[in-house]
PDB file of N, CA and C in Angstrom:
ATOM      1  N   MET A   1    -149.858 -33.514 174.499  1.00  0.00           N
ATOM      2  CA  MET A   1    -150.131 -32.291 173.103  1.00  0.00           C
ATOM      3  C   MET A   1    -149.720 -32.787 171.737  1.00  0.00           C
ATOM      4  N   VAL A   2    -150.292 -32.176 170.791  1.00  0.00           N
ATOM      5  CA  VAL A   2    -150.819 -32.835 169.335  1.00  0.00           C
ATOM      6  C   VAL A   2    -149.417 -31.995 168.955  1.00  0.00           C
ATOM      7  N   PRO A   3    -148.761 -32.940 168.034  1.00  0.00           N
ATOM      8  CA  PRO A   3    -147.189 -32.059 167.286  1.00  0.00           C
ATOM      9  C   PRO A   3    -147.852 -31.370 166.044  1.00  0.00           C
ATOM     10  N   LYS A   4    -147.185 -30.232 165.708  1.00  0.00           N
ATOM     11  CA  LYS A   4    -147.202 -29.206 164.871  1.00  0.00           C
ATOM     12  C   LYS A   4    -147.283 -29.856 163.931  1.00  0.00           C
ATOM     13  N   ARG A   5    -147.575 -29.100 163.063  1.00  0.00           N
ATOM     14  CA  ARG A   5    -147.734 -29.811 161.881  1.00  0.00           C
ATOM     15  C   ARG A   5    -146.843 -28.679 160.234  1.00  0.00           C
ATOM     16  N   THR A   6    -145.962 -29.618 159.604  1.00  0.00           N
ATOM     17  CA  THR A   6    -145.138 -28.714 159.160  1.00  0.00           C
ATOM     18  C   THR A   6    -145.346 -28.998 157.897  1.00  0.00           C
ATOM     19  N   GLN A   7    -145.118 -28.388 157.226  1.00  0.00           N
ATOM     20  CA  GLN A   7    -144.796 -27.910 155.755  1.00  0.00           C
ATOM     21  C   GLN A   7    -143.884 -28.196 154.763  1.00  0.00           C
ATOM     22  N   LYS A   8    -144.401 -28.710 154.206  1.00  0.00           N
ATOM     23  CA  LYS A   8    -143.496 -30.276 153.585  1.00  0.00           C
ATOM     24  C   LYS A   8    -143.557 -29.632 151.891  1.00  0.00           C
ATOM     25  N   LYS A   9    -141.428 -29.900 151.516  1.00  0.00           N
ATOM     26  CA  LYS A   9    -140.629 -28.194 150.918  1.00  0.00           C
ATOM     27  C   LYS A   9    -141.354 -29.145 149.504  1.00  0.00           C
ATOM     28  N   LEU A  10    -141.456 -28.017 148.841  1.00  0.00           N
ATOM     29  CA  LEU A  10    -141.267 -28.818 147.451  1.00  0.00           C
ATOM     30  C   LEU A  10    -139.937 -28.934 146.527  1.00  0.00           C
ATOM     31  N   LEU A  11    -139.923 -29.713 146.478  1.00  0.00           N
ATOM     32  CA  LEU A  11    -138.607 -29.906 145.198  1.00  0.00           C
ATOM     33  C   LEU A  11    -138.178 -30.160 144.372  1.00  0.00           C
ATOM     34  N   GLN A  12    -137.578 -29.324 143.230  1.00  0.00           N
ATOM     35  CA  GLN A  12    -137.424 -29.882 141.721  1.00  0.00           C
ATOM     36  C   GLN A  12    -136.091 -30.519 141.674  1.00  0.00           C
ATOM     37  N   ALA A  13    -135.625 -31.527 139.914  1.00  0.00           N
ATOM     38  CA  ALA A  13    -134.610 -31.521 140.031  1.00  0.00           C
ATOM     39  C   ALA A  13    -134.427 -31.646 139.004  1.00  0.00           C
ATOM     40  N   CYS A  14    -133.111 -31.366 138.736  1.00  0.00           N
ATOM     41  CA  CYS A  14    -132.933 -30.755 137.377  1.00  0.00           C
ATOM     42  C   CYS A  14    -132.557 -31.950 136.134  1.00  0.00           C
ATOM     43  N   ARG A  15    -132.905 -31.756 135.344  1.00  0.00           N
ATOM     44  CA  ARG A  15    -132.846 -32.954 134.531  1.00  0.00           C
ATOM     45  C   ARG A  15    -131.762 -33.090 133.497  1.00  0.00           C
ATOM     46  N   THR A  16    -130.819 -32.033 133.588  1.00  0.00           N
ATOM     47  CA  THR A  16    -129.494 -32.284 132.734  1.00  0.00           C
ATOM     48  C   THR A  16    -129.399 -33.358 133.737  1.00  0.00           C
ATOM     49  N   CYS A  17    -128.146 -33.288 135.257  1.00  0.00           N
ATOM     50  CA  CYS A  17    -127.794 -33.702 136.328  1.00  0.00           C
ATOM     51  C   CYS A  17    -128.282 -33.888 137.329  1.00  0.00           C
ATOM     52  N   HIS A  18    -130.012 -34.401 137.297  1.00  0.00           N
ATOM     53  CA  HIS A  18    -130.520 -34.943 138.005  1.00  0.00           C
ATOM     54  C   HIS A  18    -129.960 -34.146 139.740  1.00  0.00           C
ATOM     55  N   LYS A  19    -129.305 -33.123 139.913  1.00  0.00           N
ATOM     56  CA  LYS A  19    -129.360 -32.384 141.109  1.00  0.00           C
ATOM     57  C   LYS A  19    -130.909 -32.298 141.781  1.00  0.00           C
ATOM     58  N   VAL A  20    -131.552 -32.337 142.826  1.00  0.00           N
ATOM     59  CA  VAL A  20    -132.591 -32.036 143.756  1.00  0.00           C
ATOM     60  C   VAL A  20    -132.444 -30.555 143.835  1.00  0.00           C
ATOM     61  N   LEU A  21    -133.590 -30.287 143.709  1.00  0.00           N
ATOM     62  CA  LEU A  21    -133.564 -28.841 144.480  1.00  0.00           C
ATOM     63  C   LEU A  21    -134.504 -27.786 144.936  1.00  0.00           C
ATOM     64  N   GLU A  22    -134.143 -26.798 145.952  1.00  0.00           N
ATOM     65  CA  GLU A  22    -135.569 -26.162 146.621  1.00  0.00           C
ATOM     66  C   GLU A  22    -136.507 -25.645 145.250  1.00  0.00           C
ATOM     67  N   ALA A  23    -138.134 -25.665 145.413  1.00  0.00           N
ATOM     68  CA  ALA A  23    -138.021 -25.024 144.451  1.00  0.00           C
ATOM     69  C   ALA A  23    -138.494 -23.643 144.096  1.00  0.00           C
ATOM     70  N   ASP A  24    -138.240 -23.077 144.226  1.00  0.00           N
ATOM     71  CA  ASP A  24    -137.654 -21.341 144.289  1.00  0.00           C
ATOM     72  C   ASP A  24    -136.402 -21.139 143.340  1.00  0.00           C
ATOM     73  N   LYS A  25    -135.600 -22.247 142.852  1.00  0.00           N
ATOM     74  CA  LYS A  25    -134.404 -21.942 142.512  1.00  0.00           C
ATOM     75  C   LYS A  25    -135.472 -22.079 141.057  1.00  0.00           C
ATOM     76  N   THR A  26    -134.560 -21.758 139.735  1.00  0.00           N
ATOM     77  CA  THR A  26    -134.674 -21.316 138.453  1.00  0.00           C
ATOM     78  C   THR A  26    -133.576 -21.996 137.484  1.00  0.00           C
ATOM     79  N   MET A  27    -132.412 -21.718 137.630  1.00  0.00           N
ATOM     80  CA  MET A  27    -131.725 -22.591 137.315  1.00  0.00           C
ATOM     81  C   MET A  27    -130.602 -23.475 139.027  1.00  0.00           C
ATOM     82  N   CYS A  28    -129.992 -24.465 137.975  1.00  0.00           N
ATOM     83  CA  CYS A  28    -129.272 -25.258 138.812  1.00  0.00           C
ATOM     84  C   CYS A  28    -127.903 -24.834 138.925  1.00  0.00           C
ATOM     85  N   PRO A  29    -127.521 -24.855 139.912  1.00  0.00           N
ATOM     86  CA  PRO A  29    -125.963 -24.448 139.767  1.00  0.00           C
ATOM     87  C   PRO A  29    -124.521 -24.948 139.948  1.00  0.00           C
ATOM     88  N   GLU A  30    -125.375 -26.600 139.551  1.00  0.00           N
ATOM     89  CA  GLU A  30    -124.555 -27.382 139.621  1.00  0.00           C
ATOM     90  C   GLU A  30    -123.873 -28.312 137.800  1.00  0.00           C
ATOM     91  N   CYS A  31    -125.170 -27.359 136.782  1.00  0.00           N
ATOM     92  CA  CYS A  31    -124.911 -27.910 135.318  1.00  0.00           C
ATOM     93  C   CYS A  31    -125.293 -25.703 134.632  1.00  0.00           C
ATOM     94  N   GLN A  32    -125.733 -25.322 134.856  1.00  0.00           N
ATOM     95  CA  GLN A  32    -126.285 -23.886 134.874  1.00  0.00           C
ATOM     96  C   GLN A  32    -127.309 -24.729 133.954  1.00  0.00           C
ATOM     97  N   GLY A  33    -127.963 -25.301 134.506  1.00  0.00           N
ATOM     98  CA  GLY A  33    -129.056 -25.601 133.412  1.00  0.00           C
ATOM     99  C   GLY A  33    -130.400 -24.937 133.240  1.00  0.00           C
ATOM    100  N   ASN A  34    -131.774 -24.479 133.453  1.00  0.00           N
ATOM    101  CA  ASN A  34    -132.885 -24.528 133.852  1.00  0.00           C
ATOM    102  C   ASN A  34    -134.002 -25.576 133.179  1.00  0.00           C
ATOM    103  N   ALA A  35    -133.408 -26.745 132.781  1.00  0.00           N
ATOM    104  CA  ALA A  35    -134.458 -27.908 132.549  1.00  0.00           C
ATOM    105  C   ALA A  35    -134.889 -28.343 134.148  1.00  0.00           C
ATOM    106  N   LEU A  36    -135.328 -27.489 134.860  1.00  0.00           N
ATOM    107  CA  LEU A  36    -136.208 -28.362 135.965  1.00  0.00           C
ATOM    108  C   LEU A  36    -137.675 -28.800 135.947  1.00  0.00           C
ATOM    109  N   THR A  37    -137.749 -29.852 137.025  1.00  0.00           N
ATOM    110  CA  THR A  37    -138.858 -30.513 136.474  1.00  0.00           C
ATOM    111  C   THR A  37    -139.212 -31.118 138.415  1.00  0.00           C
ATOM    112  N   THR A  38    -140.584 -30.705 138.721  1.00  0.00           N
ATOM    113  CA  THR A  38    -141.039 -31.691 140.465  1.00  0.00           C
ATOM    114  C   THR A  38    -141.559 -33.104 139.516  1.00  0.00           C
ATOM    115  N   GLU A  39    -141.146 -33.615 138.476  1.00  0.00           N
ATOM    116  CA  GLU A  39    -141.333 -34.800 138.753  1.00  0.00           C
ATOM    117  C   GLU A  39    -140.109 -36.409 138.247  1.00  0.00           C
ATOM    118  N   TRP A  40    -139.957 -36.451 139.196  1.00  0.00           N
ATOM    119  CA  TRP A  40    -138.673 -37.257 140.360  1.00  0.00           C
ATOM    120  C   TRP A  40    -139.204 -38.071 141.073  1.00  0.00           C
ATOM    121  N   PHE A  41    -138.150 -39.292 141.026  1.00  0.00           N
ATOM    122  CA  PHE A  41    -138.473 -40.184 141.716  1.00  0.00           C
ATOM    123  C   PHE A  41    -136.890 -41.028 142.824  1.00  0.00           C
ATOM    124  N   GLY A  42    -136.248 -41.129 143.974  1.00  0.00           N
ATOM    125  CA  GLY A  42    -136.034 -42.114 144.033  1.00  0.00           C
ATOM    126  C   GLY A  42    -135.191 -40.845 145.077  1.00  0.00           C
ATOM    127  N   TYR A  43    -134.016 -40.833 146.056  1.00  0.00           N
ATOM    128  CA  TYR A  43    -133.671 -40.030 146.431  1.00  0.00           C
ATOM    129  C   TYR A  43    -132.464 -40.275 146.946  1.00  0.00           C
ATOM    130  N   LEU A  44    -131.508 -39.238 146.190  1.00  0.00           N
ATOM    131  CA  LEU A  44    -130.154 -40.370 146.103  1.00  0.00           C
ATOM    132  C   LEU A  44    -128.774 -38.864 146.951  1.00  0.00           C
ATOM    133  N   ILE A  45    -128.656 -39.766 148.437  1.00  0.00           N
ATOM    134  CA  ILE A  45    -127.805 -38.443 149.321  1.00  0.00           C
ATOM    135  C   ILE A  45    -126.224 -38.897 149.273  1.00  0.00           C
ATOM    136  N   ILE A  46    -124.747 -38.246 148.171  1.00  0.00           N
ATOM    137  CA  ILE A  46    -124.014 -38.248 148.120  1.00  0.00           C
ATOM    138  C   ILE A  46    -122.594 -37.216 149.145  1.00  0.00           C
ATOM    139  N   ILE A  47    -122.250 -38.563 150.364  1.00  0.00           N
ATOM    140  CA  ILE A  47    -121.929 -37.498 151.331  1.00  0.00           C
ATOM    141  C   ILE A  47    -120.005 -37.514 150.056  1.00  0.00           C
ATOM    142  N   ASP A  48    -119.077 -38.377 149.433  1.00  0.00           N
ATOM    143  CA  ASP A  48    -117.837 -38.277 149.808  1.00  0.00           C
ATOM    144  C   ASP A  48    -117.912 -38.888 148.038  1.00  0.00           C
ATOM    145  N   SER A  49    -118.429 -38.047 146.731  1.00  0.00           N
ATOM    146  CA  SER A  49    -118.014 -38.131 145.757  1.00  0.00           C
ATOM    147  C   SER A  49    -116.849 -38.421 145.148  1.00  0.00           C
ATOM    148  N   HIS A  50    -115.930 -38.591 145.790  1.00  0.00           N
ATOM    149  CA  HIS A  50    -114.679 -38.994 145.160  1.00  0.00           C
ATOM    150  C   HIS A  50    -114.557 -40.733 145.164  1.00  0.00           C
ATOM    151  N   HIS A  51    -114.974 -41.043 146.708  1.00  0.00           N
ATOM    152  CA  HIS A  51    -115.327 -42.138 146.860  1.00  0.00           C
ATOM    153  C   HIS A  51    -115.610 -43.331 147.350  1.00  0.00           C
ATOM    154  N   SER A  52    -117.101 -42.854 146.700  1.00  0.00           N
ATOM    155  CA  SER A  52    -118.462 -43.494 146.293  1.00  0.00           C
ATOM    156  C   SER A  52    -118.931 -44.255 145.175  1.00  0.00           C
ATOM    157  N   ASP A  53    -119.325 -45.511 145.259  1.00  0.00           N
ATOM    158  CA  ASP A  53    -118.801 -46.549 143.651  1.00  0.00           C
ATOM    159  C   ASP A  53    -120.734 -45.619 143.188  1.00  0.00           C
ATOM    160  N   VAL A  54    -121.775 -45.362 143.746  1.00  0.00           N
ATOM    161  CA  VAL A  54    -122.868 -45.078 143.560  1.00  0.00           C
ATOM    162  C   VAL A  54    -122.859 -44.184 142.465  1.00  0.00           C
ATOM    163  N   ALA A  55    -121.720 -42.930 143.187  1.00  0.00           N
ATOM    164  CA  ALA A  55    -121.537 -41.391 142.696  1.00  0.00           C
ATOM    165  C   ALA A  55    -121.021 -42.221 141.533  1.00  0.00           C
ATOM    166  N   LYS A  56    -119.655 -42.504 141.691  1.00  0.00           N
ATOM    167  CA  LYS A  56    -119.391 -43.161 140.153  1.00  0.00           C
ATOM    168  C   LYS A  56    -120.043 -43.768 138.755  1.00  0.00           C
ATOM    169  N   LYS A  57    -120.983 -44.896 139.105  1.00  0.00           N
ATOM    170  CA  LYS A  57    -121.800 -45.261 138.549  1.00  0.00           C
ATOM    171  C   LYS A  57    -123.140 -44.199 137.583  1.00  0.00           C
ATOM    172  N   MET A  58    -123.149 -43.359 138.685  1.00  0.00           N
ATOM    173  CA  MET A  58    -124.038 -42.252 137.636  1.00  0.00           C
ATOM    174  C   MET A  58    -123.146 -41.148 137.668  1.00  0.00           C
ATOM    175  N   ASN A  59    -121.802 -41.043 137.204  1.00  0.00           N
ATOM    176  CA  ASN A  59    -121.419 -39.883 136.478  1.00  0.00           C
ATOM    177  C   ASN A  59    -121.523 -38.503 137.227  1.00  0.00           C
ATOM    178  N   LEU A  60    -121.251 -38.764 138.610  1.00  0.00           N
ATOM    179  CA  LEU A  60    -121.774 -38.117 139.773  1.00  0.00           C
ATOM    180  C   LEU A  60    -120.115 -37.500 140.935  1.00  0.00           C
ATOM    181  N   THR A  61    -119.690 -35.764 140.279  1.00  0.00           N
ATOM    182  CA  THR A  61    -118.244 -35.286 140.536  1.00  0.00           C
ATOM    183  C   THR A  61    -118.237 -34.723 141.917  1.00  0.00           C
ATOM    184  N   TYR A  62    -119.595 -34.697 142.520  1.00  0.00           N
ATOM    185  CA  TYR A  62    -119.518 -33.827 143.690  1.00  0.00           C
ATOM    186  C   TYR A  62    -120.333 -34.164 144.325  1.00  0.00           C
ATOM    187  N   ASN A  63    -120.946 -34.112 145.829  1.00  0.00           N
ATOM    188  CA  ASN A  63    -121.803 -33.984 146.734  1.00  0.00           C
ATOM    189  C   ASN A  63    -122.466 -33.284 146.776  1.00  0.00           C
ATOM    190  N   GLY A  64    -123.589 -34.221 147.106  1.00  0.00           N
ATOM    191  CA  GLY A  64    -125.483 -33.435 147.286  1.00  0.00           C
ATOM    192  C   GLY A  64    -126.657 -34.050 147.285  1.00  0.00           C
ATOM    193  N   ARG A  65    -127.613 -34.034 147.462  1.00  0.00           N
ATOM    194  CA  ARG A  65    -128.588 -34.641 146.903  1.00  0.00           C
ATOM    195  C   ARG A  65    -129.074 -34.375 145.423  1.00  0.00           C
ATOM    196  N   TYR A  66    -129.817 -35.302 145.237  1.00  0.00           N
ATOM    197  CA  TYR A  66    -129.301 -36.364 143.754  1.00  0.00           C
ATOM    198  C   TYR A  66    -131.045 -37.361 143.505  1.00  0.00           C
ATOM    199  N   ALA A  67    -131.536 -36.916 142.366  1.00  0.00           N
ATOM    200  CA  ALA A  67    -133.046 -37.871 142.421  1.00  0.00           C
ATOM    201  C   ALA A  67    -132.242 -39.126 141.372  1.00  0.00           C
ATOM    202  N   LEU A  68    -133.348 -40.063 141.265  1.00  0.00           N
ATOM    203  CA  LEU A  68    -132.287 -41.614 140.480  1.00  0.00           C
ATOM    204  C   LEU A  68    -132.957 -40.984 139.328  1.00  0.00           C
ATOM    205  N   LYS A  69    -134.412 -40.720 139.739  1.00  0.00           N
ATOM    206  CA  LYS A  69    -134.996 -41.353 137.482  1.00  0.00           C
ATOM    207  C   LYS A  69    -135.753 -39.726 138.049  1.00  0.00           C
ATOM    208  N   VAL A  70    -135.590 -38.906 136.429  1.00  0.00           N
ATOM    209  CA  VAL A  70    -136.387 -37.937 136.531  1.00  0.00           C
ATOM    210  C   VAL A  70    -136.845 -37.591 134.961  1.00  0.00           C
ATOM    211  N   ARG A  71    -137.958 -37.374 135.374  1.00  0.00           N
ATOM    212  CA  ARG A  71    -139.660 -37.236 134.128  1.00  0.00           C
ATOM    213  C   ARG A  71    -139.368 -35.998 133.351  1.00  0.00           C
TER     214      ARG A  71
END
């Protein structure tokens, strides 16, 4: 049986807060910014922002998906 090809989701990141969003979004729900780009690297998932040392280092206060580097 040949596995079915799945279409890769195009994601973009907010240049202001680094939140990773689907490509159909035009505004970041976290910071209300509209500076979105598809040029980002690294992927970070924050599950518990209140107890995460990484979230504190990156000044993240909400759980979610974030890009490590955004151009």
